[in-house]
Amino acid sequence: MHLCWIQASLAIFGLMSATAAVAADAGKSGDAVRDRGRYVVTIAGCNDCHTPNYGLGGGKVDEKQWLTGDSLGWRGPWGTTYAVNLRLYMQNISEKDWVAKARTLETRPPMPWFNVQRMSDGDLRAIHRYIRSLGPAGEPAPAFVPPSQEPRPPYVTFPAPPPK
C-alpha cells in the first residue's frame, strides 16, 4: 500500500512538473510582440552583421549568440565601423527612447539606418522587446577607427564610391 502511495505521488509530481515546463515555454513564446520582434530581426537582416558568423553559418547560430555585435570591421572612406552589440545597447534604452532614436538614426556604412527609419512604431517596439528579452550578453563592439588609421583585422574593405 505504501509503495502505491509513493508511485501515485511521483506520478502527480511528474505531471505537475511537466505542466509547469509547458507553461514556462508558453510564457517565452506566447508574447506576440516579442515573437514579432524576433521575426522582424530575422527578416530585416539584423543578424547578418550584429551576430558573429551568422552569414557564414547559413543562419544557423544559436539564438543565445544573436545580436551580440561583431569584431569584423567594415572599412571604407568613412573609416572602419563595427556592428554594435544590440543586446547591451537595448538594455540601456527605454522602448520610448528607442523608437525616438530610430526615427532620427543616421550611422556610418554599412548600417542601413534609412531602413530602420522606415519601420513602423509597432515593429520598432517589437524589436526592442525581443532584444531585451534575450538579456545582456557579450562585449561591446570595437570602437570606430578613423579613415587615417589602420584597423586591426579582420575587416572588409569597401571601394570608394563613384564620383557624382
Protein backbone atom coordinates (compact mmCIF):
# COMPACT_ATOMS: atom_id res chain seq x y z
CA MET A 1 0.00 0.00 0.00
CA HIS A 2 2.82 2.34 0.92
CA LEU A 3 4.54 1.70 -2.45
CA CYS A 4 1.36 2.64 -4.37
CA TRP A 5 1.13 5.94 -2.50
CA ILE A 6 4.75 6.75 -3.39
CA GLN A 7 4.16 5.84 -7.05
CA ALA A 8 0.99 7.94 -7.17
CA SER A 9 2.82 10.86 -5.56
CA LEU A 10 5.66 10.59 -8.05
CA ALA A 11 3.19 10.46 -10.95
CA ILE A 12 1.39 13.58 -9.68
CA PHE A 13 4.71 15.36 -9.13
CA GLY A 14 5.82 14.42 -12.65
CA LEU A 15 2.56 15.69 -14.14
CA MET A 16 2.87 18.96 -12.21
CA SER A 17 6.49 19.39 -13.38
CA ALA A 18 5.54 18.76 -17.00
CA THR A 19 2.65 21.22 -16.74
CA ALA A 20 4.96 23.85 -15.25
CA ALA A 21 7.50 23.31 -18.04
CA VAL A 22 4.82 23.71 -20.71
CA ALA A 23 3.55 26.87 -19.01
CA ALA A 24 7.09 28.28 -18.84
CA ASP A 25 7.64 27.58 -22.54
CA ALA A 26 4.30 29.18 -23.38
CA GLY A 27 5.35 32.27 -21.45
CA LYS A 28 8.53 32.53 -23.52
CA SER A 29 6.90 32.16 -26.91
CA GLY A 30 3.40 33.33 -26.02
CA ASP A 31 4.30 37.03 -26.21
CA ALA A 32 3.06 38.10 -29.64
CA VAL A 33 5.01 41.39 -29.60
CA ARG A 34 8.24 39.60 -28.65
CA ASP A 35 7.63 36.97 -31.32
CA ARG A 36 7.03 39.72 -33.88
CA GLY A 37 10.34 41.30 -32.84
CA ARG A 38 12.17 38.01 -33.41
CA TYR A 39 10.58 37.75 -36.84
CA VAL A 40 11.46 41.35 -37.81
CA VAL A 41 15.05 40.96 -36.57
CA THR A 42 15.34 37.85 -38.72
CA ILE A 43 13.82 39.14 -41.96
CA ALA A 44 15.36 42.62 -41.69
CA GLY A 45 18.84 41.10 -41.69
CA CYS A 46 19.89 42.40 -38.25
CA ASN A 47 21.72 39.15 -37.54
CA ASP A 48 23.68 39.41 -40.79
CA CYS A 49 26.04 41.94 -39.20
CA HIS A 50 25.16 42.01 -35.50
CA THR A 51 25.58 38.23 -34.91
CA PRO A 52 29.06 36.73 -35.35
CA ASN A 53 29.27 34.07 -38.08
CA TYR A 54 25.56 34.30 -38.90
CA GLY A 55 26.06 34.60 -42.65
CA LEU A 56 28.94 32.14 -42.78
CA GLY A 57 26.87 29.62 -40.84
CA GLY A 58 23.85 29.92 -43.09
CA GLY A 59 21.88 31.50 -40.26
CA LYS A 60 22.49 28.51 -38.00
CA VAL A 61 23.84 30.32 -34.95
CA ASP A 62 22.44 29.53 -31.51
CA GLU A 63 19.94 32.23 -30.56
CA LYS A 64 21.92 32.72 -27.34
CA GLN A 65 24.60 34.38 -29.52
CA TRP A 66 22.26 36.54 -31.57
CA LEU A 67 22.84 40.29 -31.72
CA THR A 68 25.99 40.35 -29.57
CA GLY A 69 27.86 42.54 -32.06
CA ASP A 70 30.90 41.59 -34.07
CA SER A 71 34.60 42.34 -34.24
CA LEU A 72 34.57 42.16 -38.05
CA GLY A 73 35.26 45.70 -39.26
CA TRP A 74 33.68 47.42 -42.23
CA ARG A 75 36.27 49.76 -43.76
CA GLY A 76 35.67 52.43 -46.35
CA PRO A 77 36.21 56.13 -46.97
CA TRP A 78 34.31 56.84 -43.72
CA GLY A 79 36.77 54.81 -41.60
CA THR A 80 36.09 51.42 -40.02
CA THR A 81 32.83 50.63 -38.27
CA TYR A 82 31.72 47.63 -36.25
CA ALA A 83 28.29 46.14 -35.69
CA VAL A 84 27.06 47.27 -32.27
CA ASN A 85 26.21 44.75 -29.56
CA LEU A 86 22.45 45.30 -29.62
CA ARG A 87 21.96 43.09 -26.55
CA LEU A 88 23.94 45.59 -24.45
CA TYR A 89 22.57 48.65 -26.27
CA MET A 90 18.90 47.80 -25.76
CA GLN A 91 19.36 47.11 -22.04
CA ASN A 92 20.23 50.79 -21.57
CA ILE A 93 17.45 52.43 -23.58
CA SER A 94 13.72 52.52 -22.94
CA GLU A 95 11.24 51.46 -25.59
CA LYS A 96 10.05 55.06 -25.99
CA ASP A 97 13.61 56.36 -26.36
CA TRP A 98 14.49 53.57 -28.81
CA VAL A 99 11.54 54.43 -31.08
CA ALA A 100 12.51 58.13 -30.97
CA LYS A 101 16.17 57.30 -31.69
CA ALA A 102 15.23 55.00 -34.58
CA ARG A 103 13.21 57.80 -36.22
CA THR A 104 16.32 60.02 -36.47
CA LEU A 105 19.01 57.33 -36.70
CA GLU A 106 21.91 58.10 -39.02
CA THR A 107 25.02 55.96 -38.79
CA ARG A 108 28.10 55.21 -40.84
CA PRO A 109 28.02 52.50 -43.51
CA PRO A 110 27.25 49.73 -43.95
CA MET A 111 24.35 50.04 -41.45
CA PRO A 112 21.14 50.63 -43.42
CA TRP A 113 19.82 53.25 -40.96
CA PHE A 114 17.38 54.51 -43.61
CA ASN A 115 15.56 51.16 -43.41
CA VAL A 116 15.30 51.41 -39.63
CA GLN A 117 13.76 54.88 -40.02
CA ARG A 118 11.08 53.38 -42.31
CA MET A 119 9.99 50.70 -39.82
CA SER A 120 6.63 51.06 -38.14
CA ASP A 121 6.45 52.05 -34.48
CA GLY A 122 4.99 48.62 -33.79
CA ASP A 123 7.93 46.85 -35.42
CA LEU A 124 10.42 49.05 -33.55
CA ARG A 125 8.71 48.33 -30.23
CA ALA A 126 8.69 44.62 -31.07
CA ILE A 127 12.42 44.66 -31.87
CA HIS A 128 13.10 46.37 -28.56
CA ARG A 129 11.05 43.85 -26.59
CA TYR A 130 12.63 40.88 -28.35
CA ILE A 131 16.22 42.04 -27.90
CA ARG A 132 15.64 42.96 -24.25
CA SER A 133 14.10 39.53 -23.67
CA LEU A 134 17.39 37.94 -24.75
CA GLY A 135 19.19 39.72 -21.90
CA PRO A 136 22.62 41.29 -21.93
CA ALA A 137 25.43 39.17 -23.36
CA GLY A 138 28.80 39.59 -24.99
CA GLU A 139 31.19 42.50 -25.06
CA PRO A 140 30.86 45.97 -26.57
CA ALA A 141 31.90 46.19 -30.22
CA PRO A 142 35.30 47.70 -31.02
CA ALA A 143 35.38 51.49 -31.32
CA PHE A 144 35.16 53.32 -34.64
CA VAL A 145 38.53 53.68 -36.38
CA PRO A 146 39.02 56.93 -38.36
CA PRO A 147 39.94 56.63 -42.06
CA SER A 148 43.51 57.79 -41.37
CA GLN A 149 44.20 54.80 -39.09
CA GLU A 150 44.72 51.14 -39.95
CA PRO A 151 42.20 48.88 -38.16
CA ARG A 152 43.06 45.51 -36.67
CA PRO A 153 41.97 42.59 -38.84
CA PRO A 154 39.59 41.14 -39.69
CA TYR A 155 37.81 43.71 -41.79
CA VAL A 156 36.04 44.03 -45.11
CA THR A 157 37.17 46.85 -47.41
CA PHE A 158 34.63 48.79 -49.45
CA PRO A 159 35.75 50.64 -52.57
CA ALA A 160 35.39 54.40 -52.72
CA PRO A 161 32.02 55.45 -54.12
CA PRO A 162 31.95 56.51 -57.76
CA PRO A 163 32.22 60.26 -58.41
CA LYS A 164 28.92 62.06 -58.87
